[in-house]
């Protein structure tokens, strides 16, 4: 379900956000609240279906940009993981991308043997229809004092080459991270 009054649910969503993501992948509370005012940023949620206005069980924060849809944060409450909520939220965005004829992109940590969760995350997104692209990419810092983080880009509906990704990367960097990417 797409939230219309995003700020009304900020505290509840922010709590899930803090529990699900490492600090280096989080904005400050004020920074995250600030992006709710950006008309390109959207939140989709799944609520407890046993209550009319039940608690939020999962959310997906994403950006609808001119050229693509960028999925930024997908999180499920600890007690609801593995119940298909994330897949439902992803499917809503895939439907939107298909309808608007826009590719979707997201960032994941590189898969490493020392952290089995990285492989599980990649497998989850593969099952949702995303392809992993193995070229250099950095997530720009989400708050002052953080450094860029080396991540992988996943894309839908197909894999994409680094040069083909550059115009999308330029828009993502500018709109999501406030960084102007200059090509040489």
N, C-alpha and C. Protein backbone atom coordinates (compact mmCIF):
# COMPACT_ATOMS: atom_id res chain seq x y z
N UNK A 1 0.84 -1.17 0.00
CA UNK A 1 0.00 0.00 0.00
C UNK A 1 0.89 1.24 0.00
N UNK A 2 0.64 2.15 -0.92
CA UNK A 2 1.38 3.40 -1.02
C UNK A 2 0.84 4.36 0.03
N UNK A 3 1.72 4.93 0.84
CA UNK A 3 1.29 5.89 1.87
C UNK A 3 1.11 7.26 1.24
N UNK A 4 -0.01 7.88 1.52
CA UNK A 4 -0.26 9.24 1.03
C UNK A 4 0.26 10.28 2.03
N UNK A 5 0.01 10.08 3.30
CA UNK A 5 0.45 11.00 4.36
C UNK A 5 1.67 10.39 5.05
N UNK A 6 2.80 10.40 4.35
CA UNK A 6 4.00 9.72 4.83
C UNK A 6 4.45 10.19 6.21
N UNK A 7 4.36 11.48 6.46
CA UNK A 7 4.89 12.01 7.72
C UNK A 7 4.08 11.54 8.93
N UNK A 8 2.83 11.14 8.72
CA UNK A 8 2.00 10.65 9.82
C UNK A 8 2.54 9.35 10.42
N UNK A 9 3.34 8.63 9.65
CA UNK A 9 3.83 7.31 10.07
C UNK A 9 5.34 7.29 10.28
N UNK A 10 5.93 8.48 10.30
CA UNK A 10 7.38 8.57 10.34
C UNK A 10 7.99 7.84 11.53
N UNK A 11 7.51 8.10 12.73
CA UNK A 11 8.13 7.52 13.93
C UNK A 11 8.10 5.99 13.88
N UNK A 12 6.99 5.42 13.46
CA UNK A 12 6.86 3.97 13.39
C UNK A 12 7.82 3.38 12.35
N UNK A 13 7.89 4.02 11.20
CA UNK A 13 8.78 3.55 10.13
C UNK A 13 10.24 3.76 10.53
N UNK A 14 10.54 4.88 11.14
CA UNK A 14 11.93 5.16 11.52
C UNK A 14 12.44 4.13 12.53
N UNK A 15 11.60 3.67 13.41
CA UNK A 15 12.01 2.64 14.37
C UNK A 15 12.42 1.36 13.64
N UNK A 16 11.62 0.94 12.65
CA UNK A 16 11.95 -0.26 11.86
C UNK A 16 13.26 -0.02 11.10
N UNK A 17 13.40 1.15 10.53
CA UNK A 17 14.58 1.56 9.76
C UNK A 17 15.84 1.44 10.62
N UNK A 18 15.79 1.96 11.84
CA UNK A 18 16.95 1.91 12.74
C UNK A 18 17.32 0.48 13.11
N UNK A 19 16.32 -0.37 13.29
CA UNK A 19 16.58 -1.75 13.68
C UNK A 19 17.14 -2.57 12.52
N UNK A 20 16.78 -2.21 11.28
CA UNK A 20 17.11 -3.05 10.13
C UNK A 20 18.42 -2.70 9.44
N UNK A 21 18.90 -1.47 9.57
CA UNK A 21 20.06 -1.04 8.79
C UNK A 21 21.21 -0.62 9.68
N UNK A 22 22.45 -0.94 9.23
CA UNK A 22 23.60 -0.45 10.00
C UNK A 22 23.65 1.07 9.93
N UNK A 23 24.27 1.68 10.90
CA UNK A 23 24.29 3.14 10.99
C UNK A 23 24.87 3.79 9.73
N UNK A 24 25.83 3.12 9.08
CA UNK A 24 26.44 3.70 7.87
C UNK A 24 25.46 3.73 6.69
N UNK A 25 24.35 3.00 6.79
CA UNK A 25 23.35 2.98 5.72
C UNK A 25 22.08 3.73 6.15
N UNK A 26 22.22 4.60 7.15
CA UNK A 26 21.09 5.38 7.65
C UNK A 26 21.38 6.87 7.56
N UNK A 27 20.32 7.63 7.28
CA UNK A 27 20.40 9.08 7.44
C UNK A 27 20.15 9.39 8.92
N UNK A 28 20.44 10.62 9.31
CA UNK A 28 20.04 11.05 10.64
C UNK A 28 18.51 11.09 10.66
N UNK A 29 17.95 11.16 11.84
CA UNK A 29 16.50 11.23 11.95
C UNK A 29 15.97 12.46 11.22
N UNK A 30 16.64 13.58 11.37
CA UNK A 30 16.20 14.81 10.69
C UNK A 30 16.37 14.67 9.18
N UNK A 31 17.46 14.04 8.75
CA UNK A 31 17.69 13.83 7.32
C UNK A 31 16.64 12.93 6.70
N UNK A 32 16.29 11.86 7.41
CA UNK A 32 15.27 10.94 6.88
C UNK A 32 13.91 11.63 6.87
N UNK A 33 13.60 12.38 7.91
CA UNK A 33 12.32 13.11 7.94
C UNK A 33 12.27 14.12 6.78
N UNK A 34 13.41 14.75 6.50
CA UNK A 34 13.48 15.74 5.44
C UNK A 34 13.16 15.19 4.05
N UNK A 35 13.57 13.94 3.78
CA UNK A 35 13.30 13.41 2.43
C UNK A 35 11.82 13.11 2.21
N UNK A 36 11.05 13.02 3.29
CA UNK A 36 9.61 12.80 3.13
C UNK A 36 8.95 13.96 2.39
N UNK A 37 9.58 15.11 2.45
CA UNK A 37 9.03 16.29 1.77
C UNK A 37 9.36 16.30 0.28
N UNK A 38 10.28 15.44 -0.16
CA UNK A 38 10.65 15.38 -1.57
C UNK A 38 9.56 14.64 -2.33
N UNK A 39 8.96 15.26 -3.35
CA UNK A 39 7.87 14.61 -4.08
C UNK A 39 8.30 13.36 -4.85
N UNK A 40 9.59 13.16 -5.01
CA UNK A 40 10.09 11.96 -5.71
C UNK A 40 10.20 10.75 -4.78
N UNK A 41 10.16 10.98 -3.47
CA UNK A 41 10.33 9.91 -2.49
C UNK A 41 8.97 9.37 -2.08
N UNK A 42 8.87 8.04 -2.05
CA UNK A 42 7.60 7.38 -1.71
C UNK A 42 7.84 6.26 -0.69
N UNK A 43 6.82 5.97 0.06
CA UNK A 43 6.84 4.85 1.01
C UNK A 43 5.68 3.92 0.72
N UNK A 44 5.98 2.65 0.68
CA UNK A 44 4.95 1.61 0.62
C UNK A 44 5.06 0.81 1.92
N UNK A 45 3.92 0.41 2.45
CA UNK A 45 3.93 -0.32 3.72
C UNK A 45 2.98 -1.51 3.66
N UNK A 46 3.23 -2.43 4.57
CA UNK A 46 2.30 -3.53 4.85
C UNK A 46 2.00 -3.45 6.33
N UNK A 47 0.73 -3.44 6.64
CA UNK A 47 0.27 -3.36 8.04
C UNK A 47 -0.17 -4.73 8.52
N UNK A 48 -0.28 -4.86 9.82
CA UNK A 48 -0.87 -6.06 10.40
C UNK A 48 -2.29 -6.15 9.89
N UNK A 49 -2.60 -7.21 9.19
CA UNK A 49 -3.91 -7.34 8.54
C UNK A 49 -5.03 -7.72 9.50
N UNK A 50 -4.70 -8.02 10.74
CA UNK A 50 -5.73 -8.41 11.70
C UNK A 50 -6.33 -7.22 12.42
N UNK A 51 -5.78 -6.03 12.14
CA UNK A 51 -6.30 -4.81 12.75
C UNK A 51 -6.53 -3.79 11.64
N UNK A 52 -7.63 -3.05 11.72
CA UNK A 52 -7.96 -2.10 10.67
C UNK A 52 -6.84 -1.09 10.43
N UNK A 53 -6.30 -0.54 11.49
CA UNK A 53 -5.17 0.39 11.37
C UNK A 53 -4.01 -0.16 12.19
N UNK A 54 -3.68 -1.43 11.90
CA UNK A 54 -2.64 -2.11 12.66
C UNK A 54 -1.26 -1.56 12.42
N UNK A 55 -0.32 -2.04 13.22
CA UNK A 55 1.05 -1.56 13.10
C UNK A 55 1.68 -1.93 11.75
N UNK A 56 2.63 -1.12 11.34
CA UNK A 56 3.35 -1.39 10.10
C UNK A 56 4.30 -2.55 10.34
N UNK A 57 4.27 -3.53 9.46
CA UNK A 57 5.11 -4.73 9.58
C UNK A 57 6.32 -4.67 8.64
N UNK A 58 6.19 -3.92 7.53
CA UNK A 58 7.29 -3.80 6.57
C UNK A 58 7.11 -2.51 5.79
N UNK A 59 8.23 -1.97 5.32
CA UNK A 59 8.14 -0.77 4.48
C UNK A 59 9.19 -0.82 3.39
N UNK A 60 8.92 -0.09 2.33
CA UNK A 60 9.86 0.10 1.23
C UNK A 60 9.89 1.58 0.91
N UNK A 61 11.06 2.19 1.08
CA UNK A 61 11.27 3.59 0.72
C UNK A 61 11.97 3.63 -0.63
N UNK A 62 11.39 4.37 -1.58
CA UNK A 62 11.97 4.40 -2.92
C UNK A 62 11.79 5.76 -3.56
N UNK A 63 12.55 5.98 -4.64
CA UNK A 63 12.55 7.24 -5.38
C UNK A 63 12.03 6.99 -6.78
N UNK A 64 11.03 7.74 -7.18
CA UNK A 64 10.60 7.70 -8.57
C UNK A 64 11.29 8.85 -9.28
N UNK A 65 12.30 8.52 -10.05
CA UNK A 65 13.09 9.50 -10.77
C UNK A 65 12.60 9.58 -12.21
N UNK A 66 13.13 10.52 -12.96
CA UNK A 66 12.71 10.69 -14.36
C UNK A 66 12.99 9.43 -15.18
N UNK A 67 14.17 8.84 -14.97
CA UNK A 67 14.59 7.74 -15.83
C UNK A 67 14.40 6.35 -15.23
N UNK A 68 14.18 6.28 -13.92
CA UNK A 68 14.15 4.97 -13.26
C UNK A 68 13.45 5.07 -11.91
N UNK A 69 13.31 3.91 -11.28
CA UNK A 69 12.83 3.83 -9.90
C UNK A 69 13.99 3.25 -9.09
N UNK A 70 14.36 3.95 -8.03
CA UNK A 70 15.49 3.54 -7.19
C UNK A 70 14.96 3.10 -5.83
N UNK A 71 15.11 1.81 -5.53
CA UNK A 71 14.67 1.26 -4.25
C UNK A 71 15.78 1.48 -3.23
N UNK A 72 15.46 2.27 -2.21
CA UNK A 72 16.51 2.64 -1.26
C UNK A 72 16.52 1.77 0.00
N UNK A 73 15.40 1.62 0.66
CA UNK A 73 15.37 0.86 1.91
C UNK A 73 14.15 -0.06 1.95
N UNK A 74 14.40 -1.34 2.15
CA UNK A 74 13.35 -2.33 2.35
C UNK A 74 13.61 -2.96 3.71
N UNK A 75 12.61 -2.94 4.58
CA UNK A 75 12.81 -3.50 5.91
C UNK A 75 11.50 -4.10 6.42
N UNK A 76 11.65 -5.17 7.17
CA UNK A 76 10.54 -5.86 7.81
C UNK A 76 10.84 -5.96 9.30
N UNK A 77 9.82 -5.84 10.12
CA UNK A 77 10.05 -6.01 11.56
C UNK A 77 10.62 -7.40 11.81
N UNK A 78 11.42 -7.54 12.86
CA UNK A 78 12.09 -8.82 13.15
C UNK A 78 11.09 -9.97 13.24
N UNK A 79 9.94 -9.74 13.86
CA UNK A 79 8.99 -10.85 14.04
C UNK A 79 8.25 -11.22 12.76
N UNK A 80 8.37 -10.41 11.72
CA UNK A 80 7.64 -10.69 10.48
C UNK A 80 8.53 -11.10 9.32
N UNK A 81 9.81 -11.26 9.57
CA UNK A 81 10.72 -11.65 8.48
C UNK A 81 10.38 -13.05 7.98
N UNK A 82 10.54 -13.24 6.69
CA UNK A 82 10.28 -14.55 6.10
C UNK A 82 8.83 -14.82 5.79
N UNK A 83 7.96 -13.83 5.92
CA UNK A 83 6.53 -14.03 5.68
C UNK A 83 6.07 -13.49 4.33
N UNK A 84 7.02 -13.05 3.49
CA UNK A 84 6.67 -12.61 2.15
C UNK A 84 6.31 -11.14 2.01
N UNK A 85 6.42 -10.38 3.09
CA UNK A 85 6.06 -8.95 3.02
C UNK A 85 6.99 -8.17 2.10
N UNK A 86 8.28 -8.43 2.21
CA UNK A 86 9.24 -7.74 1.35
C UNK A 86 8.97 -8.01 -0.12
N UNK A 87 8.69 -9.27 -0.44
CA UNK A 87 8.38 -9.65 -1.82
C UNK A 87 7.14 -8.92 -2.33
N UNK A 88 6.13 -8.78 -1.50
CA UNK A 88 4.91 -8.06 -1.90
C UNK A 88 5.20 -6.59 -2.20
N UNK A 89 5.99 -5.96 -1.37
CA UNK A 89 6.34 -4.56 -1.59
C UNK A 89 7.18 -4.38 -2.86
N UNK A 90 8.13 -5.29 -3.06
CA UNK A 90 8.94 -5.26 -4.29
C UNK A 90 8.03 -5.43 -5.50
N UNK A 91 7.10 -6.37 -5.43
CA UNK A 91 6.21 -6.63 -6.57
C UNK A 91 5.37 -5.39 -6.92
N UNK A 92 4.93 -4.65 -5.92
CA UNK A 92 4.19 -3.41 -6.19
C UNK A 92 5.05 -2.44 -6.99
N UNK A 93 6.33 -2.34 -6.63
CA UNK A 93 7.24 -1.43 -7.36
C UNK A 93 7.56 -1.97 -8.75
N UNK A 94 7.70 -3.28 -8.88
CA UNK A 94 7.93 -3.86 -10.21
C UNK A 94 6.74 -3.57 -11.12
N UNK A 95 5.54 -3.68 -10.58
CA UNK A 95 4.34 -3.37 -11.36
C UNK A 95 4.35 -1.91 -11.79
N UNK A 96 4.76 -1.03 -10.89
CA UNK A 96 4.84 0.40 -11.20
C UNK A 96 5.89 0.64 -12.29
N UNK A 97 7.04 -0.01 -12.18
CA UNK A 97 8.09 0.13 -13.18
C UNK A 97 7.64 -0.36 -14.54
N UNK A 98 6.94 -1.49 -14.55
CA UNK A 98 6.43 -2.04 -15.81
C UNK A 98 5.41 -1.09 -16.44
N UNK A 99 4.51 -0.58 -15.62
CA UNK A 99 3.47 0.34 -16.09
C UNK A 99 4.08 1.62 -16.66
N UNK A 100 5.11 2.13 -15.99
CA UNK A 100 5.72 3.39 -16.40
C UNK A 100 6.91 3.18 -17.33
N UNK A 101 7.19 1.92 -17.64
CA UNK A 101 8.30 1.56 -18.53
C UNK A 101 9.64 2.14 -18.03
N UNK A 102 9.88 1.93 -16.74
CA UNK A 102 11.12 2.41 -16.13
C UNK A 102 11.85 1.22 -15.50
N UNK A 103 13.18 1.19 -15.65
CA UNK A 103 13.93 0.14 -14.95
C UNK A 103 13.99 0.46 -13.45
N UNK A 104 14.25 -0.57 -12.66
CA UNK A 104 14.42 -0.42 -11.21
C UNK A 104 15.85 -0.78 -10.85
N UNK A 105 16.37 -0.05 -9.86
CA UNK A 105 17.71 -0.31 -9.36
C UNK A 105 17.69 -0.32 -7.84
N UNK A 106 18.62 -1.07 -7.27
CA UNK A 106 18.83 -1.07 -5.82
C UNK A 106 20.28 -1.41 -5.55
N UNK A 107 20.72 -1.10 -4.34
CA UNK A 107 22.09 -1.37 -3.92
C UNK A 107 22.08 -2.51 -2.90
N UNK A 108 23.08 -3.39 -3.00
CA UNK A 108 23.28 -4.42 -1.97
C UNK A 108 24.76 -4.48 -1.62
N UNK A 109 25.02 -5.01 -0.44
CA UNK A 109 26.40 -5.26 -0.05
C UNK A 109 26.96 -6.38 -0.93
N UNK A 110 28.23 -6.32 -1.28
CA UNK A 110 28.83 -7.43 -2.04
C UNK A 110 28.69 -8.73 -1.26
N UNK A 111 28.49 -9.81 -1.98
CA UNK A 111 28.35 -11.12 -1.35
C UNK A 111 29.74 -11.60 -0.92
N UNK A 112 29.82 -11.94 0.36
CA UNK A 112 31.08 -12.46 0.92
C UNK A 112 30.78 -13.69 1.77
N UNK A 113 31.67 -14.67 1.72
CA UNK A 113 31.48 -15.92 2.45
C UNK A 113 31.41 -15.70 3.96
N UNK A 114 32.11 -14.67 4.45
CA UNK A 114 32.14 -14.43 5.89
C UNK A 114 30.82 -13.89 6.44
N UNK A 115 29.92 -13.45 5.55
CA UNK A 115 28.61 -12.95 5.99
C UNK A 115 27.52 -13.58 5.13
N UNK A 116 26.96 -14.71 5.57
CA UNK A 116 25.96 -15.42 4.77
C UNK A 116 24.71 -14.59 4.43
N UNK A 117 24.42 -13.56 5.24
CA UNK A 117 23.26 -12.71 4.95
C UNK A 117 23.41 -12.01 3.60
N UNK A 118 24.65 -11.70 3.20
CA UNK A 118 24.84 -11.01 1.93
C UNK A 118 24.37 -11.89 0.77
N UNK A 119 24.66 -13.17 0.82
CA UNK A 119 24.20 -14.10 -0.22
C UNK A 119 22.70 -14.30 -0.17
N UNK A 120 22.13 -14.33 1.02
CA UNK A 120 20.67 -14.49 1.13
C UNK A 120 19.94 -13.28 0.56
N UNK A 121 20.49 -12.08 0.82
CA UNK A 121 19.87 -10.88 0.26
C UNK A 121 19.90 -10.91 -1.27
N UNK A 122 21.07 -11.24 -1.80
CA UNK A 122 21.18 -11.29 -3.26
C UNK A 122 20.20 -12.32 -3.84
N UNK A 123 20.11 -13.49 -3.22
CA UNK A 123 19.19 -14.54 -3.69
C UNK A 123 17.73 -14.06 -3.62
N UNK A 124 17.39 -13.36 -2.56
CA UNK A 124 16.02 -12.82 -2.43
C UNK A 124 15.70 -11.92 -3.62
N UNK A 125 16.60 -10.98 -3.94
CA UNK A 125 16.35 -10.06 -5.05
C UNK A 125 16.37 -10.78 -6.39
N UNK A 126 17.20 -11.83 -6.53
CA UNK A 126 17.17 -12.63 -7.76
C UNK A 126 15.79 -13.28 -7.92
N UNK A 127 15.26 -13.82 -6.83
CA UNK A 127 13.93 -14.45 -6.90
C UNK A 127 12.84 -13.43 -7.26
N UNK A 128 13.08 -12.17 -6.96
CA UNK A 128 12.14 -11.10 -7.31
C UNK A 128 12.32 -10.64 -8.75
N UNK A 129 13.36 -11.13 -9.44
CA UNK A 129 13.56 -10.78 -10.84
C UNK A 129 14.70 -9.83 -11.13
N UNK A 130 15.48 -9.46 -10.11
CA UNK A 130 16.60 -8.55 -10.30
C UNK A 130 17.85 -9.30 -10.75
N UNK A 131 18.73 -8.59 -11.45
CA UNK A 131 20.02 -9.13 -11.88
C UNK A 131 21.13 -8.38 -11.15
N UNK A 132 22.19 -9.10 -10.80
CA UNK A 132 23.35 -8.48 -10.16
C UNK A 132 24.30 -7.98 -11.23
N UNK A 133 24.79 -6.77 -11.05
CA UNK A 133 25.73 -6.17 -11.99
C UNK A 133 27.07 -6.00 -11.27
N UNK A 134 28.13 -6.57 -11.81
CA UNK A 134 29.42 -6.58 -11.13
C UNK A 134 30.36 -5.53 -11.72
N UNK A 135 30.05 -4.27 -11.45
CA UNK A 135 30.97 -3.20 -11.80
C UNK A 135 31.10 -2.29 -10.59
N UNK A 136 32.12 -1.45 -10.61
CA UNK A 136 32.40 -0.60 -9.46
C UNK A 136 31.24 0.37 -9.23
N UNK A 137 30.83 0.47 -7.96
CA UNK A 137 29.77 1.40 -7.58
C UNK A 137 29.96 1.74 -6.11
N UNK A 138 29.72 3.00 -5.78
CA UNK A 138 29.76 3.41 -4.38
C UNK A 138 28.47 4.13 -4.02
N UNK A 139 27.94 3.78 -2.85
CA UNK A 139 26.83 4.54 -2.28
C UNK A 139 27.45 5.78 -1.65
N UNK A 140 26.91 6.93 -1.98
CA UNK A 140 27.40 8.16 -1.40
C UNK A 140 26.95 8.24 0.06
N UNK A 141 27.68 8.96 0.90
CA UNK A 141 27.32 9.05 2.32
C UNK A 141 25.91 9.61 2.53
N UNK A 142 25.21 9.04 3.49
CA UNK A 142 23.86 9.49 3.81
C UNK A 142 23.85 10.56 4.89
N UNK A 143 25.00 10.76 5.52
CA UNK A 143 25.08 11.82 6.53
C UNK A 143 26.53 12.29 6.64
N UNK A 144 26.67 13.48 7.19
CA UNK A 144 28.00 14.08 7.36
C UNK A 144 28.88 13.18 8.21
N UNK A 145 30.12 13.04 7.79
CA UNK A 145 31.07 12.22 8.54
C UNK A 145 31.19 10.80 8.03
N UNK A 146 30.22 10.34 7.25
CA UNK A 146 30.30 8.99 6.69
C UNK A 146 31.14 9.02 5.41
N UNK A 147 31.64 7.86 5.04
CA UNK A 147 32.41 7.71 3.80
C UNK A 147 31.57 6.94 2.78
N UNK A 148 31.91 7.04 1.49
CA UNK A 148 31.22 6.21 0.51
C UNK A 148 31.39 4.73 0.84
N UNK A 149 30.42 3.92 0.45
CA UNK A 149 30.45 2.49 0.72
C UNK A 149 30.42 1.75 -0.62
N UNK A 150 31.34 0.80 -0.82
CA UNK A 150 31.35 -0.02 -2.03
C UNK A 150 30.18 -1.00 -1.96
N UNK A 151 29.30 -0.91 -2.94
CA UNK A 151 28.14 -1.79 -3.01
C UNK A 151 28.00 -2.32 -4.43
N UNK A 152 27.07 -3.24 -4.63
CA UNK A 152 26.72 -3.73 -5.96
C UNK A 152 25.38 -3.14 -6.35
N UNK A 153 25.19 -2.94 -7.62
CA UNK A 153 23.91 -2.49 -8.16
C UNK A 153 23.17 -3.70 -8.71
N UNK A 154 21.92 -3.81 -8.35
CA UNK A 154 21.03 -4.82 -8.95
C UNK A 154 20.03 -4.07 -9.80
N UNK A 155 19.61 -4.69 -10.89
CA UNK A 155 18.72 -4.02 -11.83
C UNK A 155 17.59 -4.95 -12.28
N UNK A 156 16.50 -4.32 -12.65
CA UNK A 156 15.35 -5.02 -13.21
C UNK A 156 14.87 -4.19 -14.40
N UNK A 157 14.54 -4.70 -15.52
CA UNK A 157 14.21 -6.10 -15.78
C UNK A 157 15.37 -6.96 -16.26
N UNK A 158 16.57 -6.36 -16.42
CA UNK A 158 17.70 -7.13 -16.94
C UNK A 158 19.00 -6.59 -16.36
N UNK A 159 20.06 -7.37 -16.58
CA UNK A 159 21.40 -6.90 -16.21
C UNK A 159 21.74 -5.70 -17.09
N UNK A 160 22.63 -4.88 -16.60
CA UNK A 160 22.99 -3.65 -17.31
C UNK A 160 24.51 -3.47 -17.19
N UNK A 161 25.10 -2.94 -18.25
CA UNK A 161 26.54 -2.67 -18.23
C UNK A 161 26.84 -1.34 -17.55
N UNK A 162 28.10 -1.17 -17.17
CA UNK A 162 28.50 0.04 -16.45
C UNK A 162 28.22 1.30 -17.27
N UNK A 163 28.58 1.30 -18.55
CA UNK A 163 28.35 2.48 -19.38
C UNK A 163 26.86 2.76 -19.57
N UNK A 164 26.07 1.73 -19.72
CA UNK A 164 24.62 1.90 -19.85
C UNK A 164 24.01 2.45 -18.56
N UNK A 165 24.63 2.10 -17.43
CA UNK A 165 24.12 2.55 -16.13
C UNK A 165 24.47 4.00 -15.82
N UNK A 166 25.50 4.56 -16.44
CA UNK A 166 25.98 5.90 -16.09
C UNK A 166 24.90 6.98 -16.05
N UNK A 167 24.00 7.10 -17.04
CA UNK A 167 22.97 8.16 -16.93
C UNK A 167 22.04 7.95 -15.72
N UNK A 168 21.74 6.70 -15.40
CA UNK A 168 20.92 6.41 -14.23
C UNK A 168 21.68 6.76 -12.95
N UNK A 169 22.96 6.39 -12.92
CA UNK A 169 23.81 6.68 -11.76
C UNK A 169 23.88 8.19 -11.54
N UNK A 170 24.02 8.94 -12.61
CA UNK A 170 24.09 10.40 -12.50
C UNK A 170 22.82 10.95 -11.86
N UNK A 171 21.66 10.45 -12.28
CA UNK A 171 20.40 10.93 -11.71
C UNK A 171 20.23 10.47 -10.26
N UNK A 172 20.59 9.22 -9.96
CA UNK A 172 20.50 8.71 -8.59
C UNK A 172 21.39 9.53 -7.67
N UNK A 173 22.63 9.75 -8.08
CA UNK A 173 23.55 10.52 -7.25
C UNK A 173 23.00 11.92 -6.97
N UNK A 174 22.47 12.57 -8.01
CA UNK A 174 21.99 13.94 -7.85
C UNK A 174 20.73 14.00 -6.99
N UNK A 175 19.73 13.18 -7.29
CA UNK A 175 18.43 13.26 -6.61
C UNK A 175 18.45 12.64 -5.22
N UNK A 176 19.12 11.51 -5.07
CA UNK A 176 19.09 10.78 -3.80
C UNK A 176 20.18 11.27 -2.84
N UNK A 177 21.39 11.49 -3.37
CA UNK A 177 22.53 11.82 -2.51
C UNK A 177 22.96 13.28 -2.59
N UNK A 178 22.39 14.05 -3.52
CA UNK A 178 22.77 15.46 -3.65
C UNK A 178 24.18 15.65 -4.17
N UNK A 179 24.66 14.70 -4.99
CA UNK A 179 26.01 14.75 -5.53
C UNK A 179 25.93 14.87 -7.05
N UNK A 180 26.61 15.85 -7.61
CA UNK A 180 26.66 16.01 -9.06
C UNK A 180 27.79 15.18 -9.60
N UNK A 181 27.46 14.21 -10.45
CA UNK A 181 28.44 13.34 -11.07
C UNK A 181 28.85 13.96 -12.40
N UNK A 182 30.13 14.15 -12.59
CA UNK A 182 30.64 14.77 -13.82
C UNK A 182 31.38 13.69 -14.61
N UNK A 183 30.99 13.54 -15.88
CA UNK A 183 31.68 12.60 -16.76
C UNK A 183 32.89 13.27 -17.37
N UNK A 184 33.97 12.49 -17.54
CA UNK A 184 35.19 13.03 -18.15
C UNK A 184 35.29 12.62 -19.58
